[in-house]
Amino acid sequence: MNVFFKIICVCTLLLIIIGCNKDPKLDGAIKISQMERTSISEKILKQNKDADILCVYGARFYKRAEDQEKYRQVDLKKNHELGEVRKEYKNGYIFEDYMATKLQVGTKIFTIQGKMQSELLLVKLGEKYVAYVYEN
């Protein structure tokens, strides 16, 4: 029993050491993603410092569509809930996933059905849905 206990302790210790080891590839990917988000957000905010934008999918930015009536006429159907706004952007912050400039924390974000699926998101504001367009 004593030998079995020692083996279990050694295995547990090894798992802890291996699990705490940082992966340099993962760290590099995170830094590249942050740089990409920063570059895209700076470009958008340079064009319009009051832009209503939302970051999802790592580094994809969606901007509130100016012509909402156009998208109401298309009769967009929501597909599934993608998530919700987790943080509000403040000047000087680095954009993160599910961060927005104008939307409140907790605002629900939905994907849409159909061929424009990757180009548009719907955001629930009160009782209505507002279209956000992919900004590349």
C-alpha atoms as a PDB file:
ATOM      1  CA  MET A   1       0.000   0.000   0.000  1.00  0.00           C
ATOM      2  CA  ASN A   2       2.862   2.359   0.831  1.00  0.00           C
ATOM      3  CA  VAL A   3       4.523   1.873  -2.605  1.00  0.00           C
ATOM      4  CA  PHE A   4       1.199   2.388  -4.370  1.00  0.00           C
ATOM      5  CA  PHE A   5       0.686   5.672  -2.504  1.00  0.00           C
ATOM      6  CA  LYS A   6       4.168   6.886  -3.502  1.00  0.00           C
ATOM      7  CA  ILE A   7       3.519   6.047  -7.181  1.00  0.00           C
ATOM      8  CA  ILE A   8       0.229   7.966  -7.094  1.00  0.00           C
ATOM      9  CA  CYS A   9       1.957  10.977  -5.491  1.00  0.00           C
ATOM     10  CA  VAL A  10       4.767  10.989  -8.075  1.00  0.00           C
ATOM     11  CA  CYS A  11       2.290  10.687 -10.985  1.00  0.00           C
ATOM     12  CA  THR A  12       0.150  13.497  -9.578  1.00  0.00           C
ATOM     13  CA  LEU A  13       3.200  15.712  -9.147  1.00  0.00           C
ATOM     14  CA  LEU A  14       4.310  15.033 -12.738  1.00  0.00           C
ATOM     15  CA  LEU A  15       0.847  15.892 -14.078  1.00  0.00           C
ATOM     16  CA  ILE A  16       0.868  19.167 -12.155  1.00  0.00           C
ATOM     17  CA  ILE A  17       4.320  20.086 -13.469  1.00  0.00           C
ATOM     18  CA  ILE A  18       3.415  19.205 -17.071  1.00  0.00           C
ATOM     19  CA  GLY A  19       0.059  20.993 -16.829  1.00  0.00           C
ATOM     20  CA  CYS A  20       1.653  24.220 -15.585  1.00  0.00           C
ATOM     21  CA  ASN A  21       4.220  24.353 -18.386  1.00  0.00           C
ATOM     22  CA  LYS A  22       3.610  27.255 -20.805  1.00  0.00           C
ATOM     23  CA  ASP A  23       3.437  26.515 -24.502  1.00  0.00           C
ATOM     24  CA  PRO A  24       5.454  29.136 -26.445  1.00  0.00           C
ATOM     25  CA  LYS A  25       3.404  28.460 -29.592  1.00  0.00           C
ATOM     26  CA  LEU A  26       0.189  29.255 -27.733  1.00  0.00           C
ATOM     27  CA  ASP A  27       1.710  32.426 -26.255  1.00  0.00           C
ATOM     28  CA  GLY A  28       2.821  33.492 -29.746  1.00  0.00           C
ATOM     29  CA  ALA A  29      -0.628  32.852 -31.211  1.00  0.00           C
ATOM     30  CA  ILE A  30      -2.237  34.913 -28.460  1.00  0.00           C
ATOM     31  CA  LYS A  31       0.138  37.823 -29.099  1.00  0.00           C
ATOM     32  CA  ILE A  32      -0.513  37.678 -32.866  1.00  0.00           C
ATOM     33  CA  SER A  33      -4.271  37.669 -32.243  1.00  0.00           C
ATOM     34  CA  GLN A  34      -3.934  40.692 -29.920  1.00  0.00           C
ATOM     35  CA  MET A  35      -1.842  42.544 -32.512  1.00  0.00           C
ATOM     36  CA  GLU A  36      -4.390  41.760 -35.215  1.00  0.00           C
ATOM     37  CA  ARG A  37      -7.289  42.970 -33.060  1.00  0.00           C
ATOM     38  CA  THR A  38      -5.369  46.132 -32.170  1.00  0.00           C
ATOM     39  CA  SER A  39      -4.509  46.849 -35.802  1.00  0.00           C
ATOM     40  CA  ILE A  40      -8.077  46.364 -37.046  1.00  0.00           C
ATOM     41  CA  SER A  41      -9.700  48.294 -34.190  1.00  0.00           C
ATOM     42  CA  GLU A  42      -7.276  51.225 -34.578  1.00  0.00           C
ATOM     43  CA  LYS A  43      -8.054  51.372 -38.303  1.00  0.00           C
ATOM     44  CA  ILE A  44     -11.814  51.431 -37.695  1.00  0.00           C
ATOM     45  CA  LEU A  45     -11.643  53.941 -34.838  1.00  0.00           C
ATOM     46  CA  LYS A  46      -9.294  56.188 -36.826  1.00  0.00           C
ATOM     47  CA  GLN A  47     -11.983  56.464 -39.517  1.00  0.00           C
ATOM     48  CA  ASN A  48     -14.688  57.133 -36.918  1.00  0.00           C
ATOM     49  CA  LYS A  49     -13.783  57.531 -33.247  1.00  0.00           C
ATOM     50  CA  ASP A  50     -17.443  56.966 -32.285  1.00  0.00           C
ATOM     51  CA  ALA A  51     -17.848  53.745 -34.306  1.00  0.00           C
ATOM     52  CA  ASP A  52     -20.288  51.195 -32.881  1.00  0.00           C
ATOM     53  CA  ILE A  53     -18.233  48.009 -33.237  1.00  0.00           C
ATOM     54  CA  LEU A  54     -18.170  44.537 -31.765  1.00  0.00           C
ATOM     55  CA  CYS A  55     -15.312  41.997 -31.722  1.00  0.00           C
ATOM     56  CA  VAL A  56     -16.056  38.243 -31.908  1.00  0.00           C
ATOM     57  CA  TYR A  57     -14.424  35.082 -33.272  1.00  0.00           C
ATOM     58  CA  GLY A  58     -10.982  36.175 -32.036  1.00  0.00           C
ATOM     59  CA  ALA A  59     -10.382  39.147 -34.322  1.00  0.00           C
ATOM     60  CA  ARG A  60     -13.498  39.682 -36.450  1.00  0.00           C
ATOM     61  CA  PHE A  61     -15.058  43.096 -36.107  1.00  0.00           C
ATOM     62  CA  TYR A  62     -18.679  43.851 -36.853  1.00  0.00           C
ATOM     63  CA  LYS A  63     -19.956  47.414 -37.224  1.00  0.00           C
ATOM     64  CA  ARG A  64     -23.553  48.498 -36.680  1.00  0.00           C
ATOM     65  CA  ALA A  65     -25.199  48.683 -40.095  1.00  0.00           C
ATOM     66  CA  GLU A  66     -26.145  52.223 -41.065  1.00  0.00           C
ATOM     67  CA  ASP A  67     -29.172  51.157 -43.139  1.00  0.00           C
ATOM     68  CA  GLN A  68     -31.126  48.947 -40.731  1.00  0.00           C
ATOM     69  CA  GLU A  69     -34.249  49.141 -42.904  1.00  0.00           C
ATOM     70  CA  LYS A  70     -32.381  47.358 -45.707  1.00  0.00           C
ATOM     71  CA  TYR A  71     -31.817  44.357 -43.438  1.00  0.00           C
ATOM     72  CA  ARG A  72     -35.374  44.387 -42.094  1.00  0.00           C
ATOM     73  CA  GLN A  73     -36.624  44.094 -45.676  1.00  0.00           C
ATOM     74  CA  VAL A  74     -34.442  41.015 -46.212  1.00  0.00           C
ATOM     75  CA  ASP A  75     -36.209  39.469 -43.188  1.00  0.00           C
ATOM     76  CA  LEU A  76     -33.130  38.084 -41.465  1.00  0.00           C
ATOM     77  CA  LYS A  77     -33.684  34.998 -39.351  1.00  0.00           C
ATOM     78  CA  LYS A  78     -31.560  34.438 -36.290  1.00  0.00           C
ATOM     79  CA  ASN A  79     -29.783  31.101 -36.170  1.00  0.00           C
ATOM     80  CA  HIS A  80     -28.384  30.603 -32.684  1.00  0.00           C
ATOM     81  CA  GLU A  81     -27.047  32.645 -29.797  1.00  0.00           C
ATOM     82  CA  LEU A  82     -23.333  33.256 -30.299  1.00  0.00           C
ATOM     83  CA  GLY A  83     -22.801  34.765 -26.862  1.00  0.00           C
ATOM     84  CA  GLU A  84     -23.051  38.121 -25.186  1.00  0.00           C
ATOM     85  CA  VAL A  85     -20.990  41.256 -24.770  1.00  0.00           C
ATOM     86  CA  ARG A  86     -18.548  40.634 -21.914  1.00  0.00           C
ATOM     87  CA  LYS A  87     -16.714  43.961 -21.742  1.00  0.00           C
ATOM     88  CA  GLU A  88     -17.193  47.536 -22.829  1.00  0.00           C
ATOM     89  CA  TYR A  89     -14.290  49.033 -24.759  1.00  0.00           C
ATOM     90  CA  LYS A  90     -12.601  52.049 -23.228  1.00  0.00           C
ATOM     91  CA  ASN A  91      -9.977  54.166 -24.981  1.00  0.00           C
ATOM     92  CA  GLY A  92      -6.545  52.617 -24.558  1.00  0.00           C
ATOM     93  CA  TYR A  93      -7.802  49.090 -23.905  1.00  0.00           C
ATOM     94  CA  ILE A  94      -6.812  46.186 -26.119  1.00  0.00           C
ATOM     95  CA  PHE A  95      -9.866  44.693 -27.812  1.00  0.00           C
ATOM     96  CA  GLU A  96     -10.859  41.240 -26.608  1.00  0.00           C
ATOM     97  CA  ASP A  97     -13.399  38.714 -27.807  1.00  0.00           C
ATOM     98  CA  TYR A  98     -16.964  39.826 -27.072  1.00  0.00           C
ATOM     99  CA  MET A  99     -15.950  43.417 -26.397  1.00  0.00           C
ATOM    100  CA  ALA A 100     -17.946  46.331 -27.845  1.00  0.00           C
ATOM    101  CA  THR A 101     -17.675  50.101 -28.021  1.00  0.00           C
ATOM    102  CA  LYS A 102     -21.355  51.003 -27.565  1.00  0.00           C
ATOM    103  CA  LEU A 103     -23.197  47.830 -26.511  1.00  0.00           C
ATOM    104  CA  GLN A 104     -23.773  47.149 -22.840  1.00  0.00           C
ATOM    105  CA  VAL A 105     -22.315  44.134 -21.083  1.00  0.00           C
ATOM    106  CA  GLY A 106     -24.825  41.289 -21.314  1.00  0.00           C
ATOM    107  CA  THR A 107     -26.211  42.259 -24.734  1.00  0.00           C
ATOM    108  CA  LYS A 108     -27.064  39.043 -26.628  1.00  0.00           C
ATOM    109  CA  ILE A 109     -25.406  38.340 -30.003  1.00  0.00           C
ATOM    110  CA  PHE A 110     -26.896  35.978 -32.606  1.00  0.00           C
ATOM    111  CA  THR A 111     -25.739  34.440 -35.864  1.00  0.00           C
ATOM    112  CA  ILE A 112     -28.123  34.487 -38.823  1.00  0.00           C
ATOM    113  CA  GLN A 113     -29.380  31.838 -41.226  1.00  0.00           C
ATOM    114  CA  GLY A 114     -28.610  31.925 -44.923  1.00  0.00           C
ATOM    115  CA  LYS A 115     -25.914  32.911 -47.338  1.00  0.00           C
ATOM    116  CA  MET A 116     -24.894  36.136 -45.522  1.00  0.00           C
ATOM    117  CA  GLN A 117     -24.188  34.126 -42.362  1.00  0.00           C
ATOM    118  CA  SER A 118     -20.525  35.136 -41.980  1.00  0.00           C
ATOM    119  CA  GLU A 119     -21.176  38.759 -42.999  1.00  0.00           C
ATOM    120  CA  LEU A 120     -23.873  39.676 -40.477  1.00  0.00           C
ATOM    121  CA  LEU A 121     -24.731  39.289 -36.823  1.00  0.00           C
ATOM    122  CA  LEU A 122     -27.903  40.272 -35.019  1.00  0.00           C
ATOM    123  CA  VAL A 123     -27.771  41.995 -31.652  1.00  0.00           C
ATOM    124  CA  LYS A 124     -30.817  42.106 -29.407  1.00  0.00           C
ATOM    125  CA  LEU A 125     -31.527  45.628 -28.180  1.00  0.00           C
ATOM    126  CA  GLY A 126     -34.678  45.633 -26.092  1.00  0.00           C
ATOM    127  CA  GLU A 127     -37.385  43.987 -28.153  1.00  0.00           C
ATOM    128  CA  LYS A 128     -35.746  44.503 -31.562  1.00  0.00           C
ATOM    129  CA  TYR A 129     -32.771  43.045 -33.393  1.00  0.00           C
ATOM    130  CA  VAL A 130     -30.076  45.254 -34.908  1.00  0.00           C
ATOM    131  CA  ALA A 131     -27.808  44.131 -37.766  1.00  0.00           C
ATOM    132  CA  TYR A 132     -24.033  44.352 -37.445  1.00  0.00           C
ATOM    133  CA  VAL A 133     -21.954  43.994 -40.624  1.00  0.00           C
ATOM    134  CA  TYR A 134     -18.516  42.337 -40.863  1.00  0.00           C
ATOM    135  CA  GLU A 135     -15.836  45.020 -41.214  1.00  0.00           C
ATOM    136  CA  ASN A 136     -12.728  43.728 -42.991  1.00  0.00           C
END
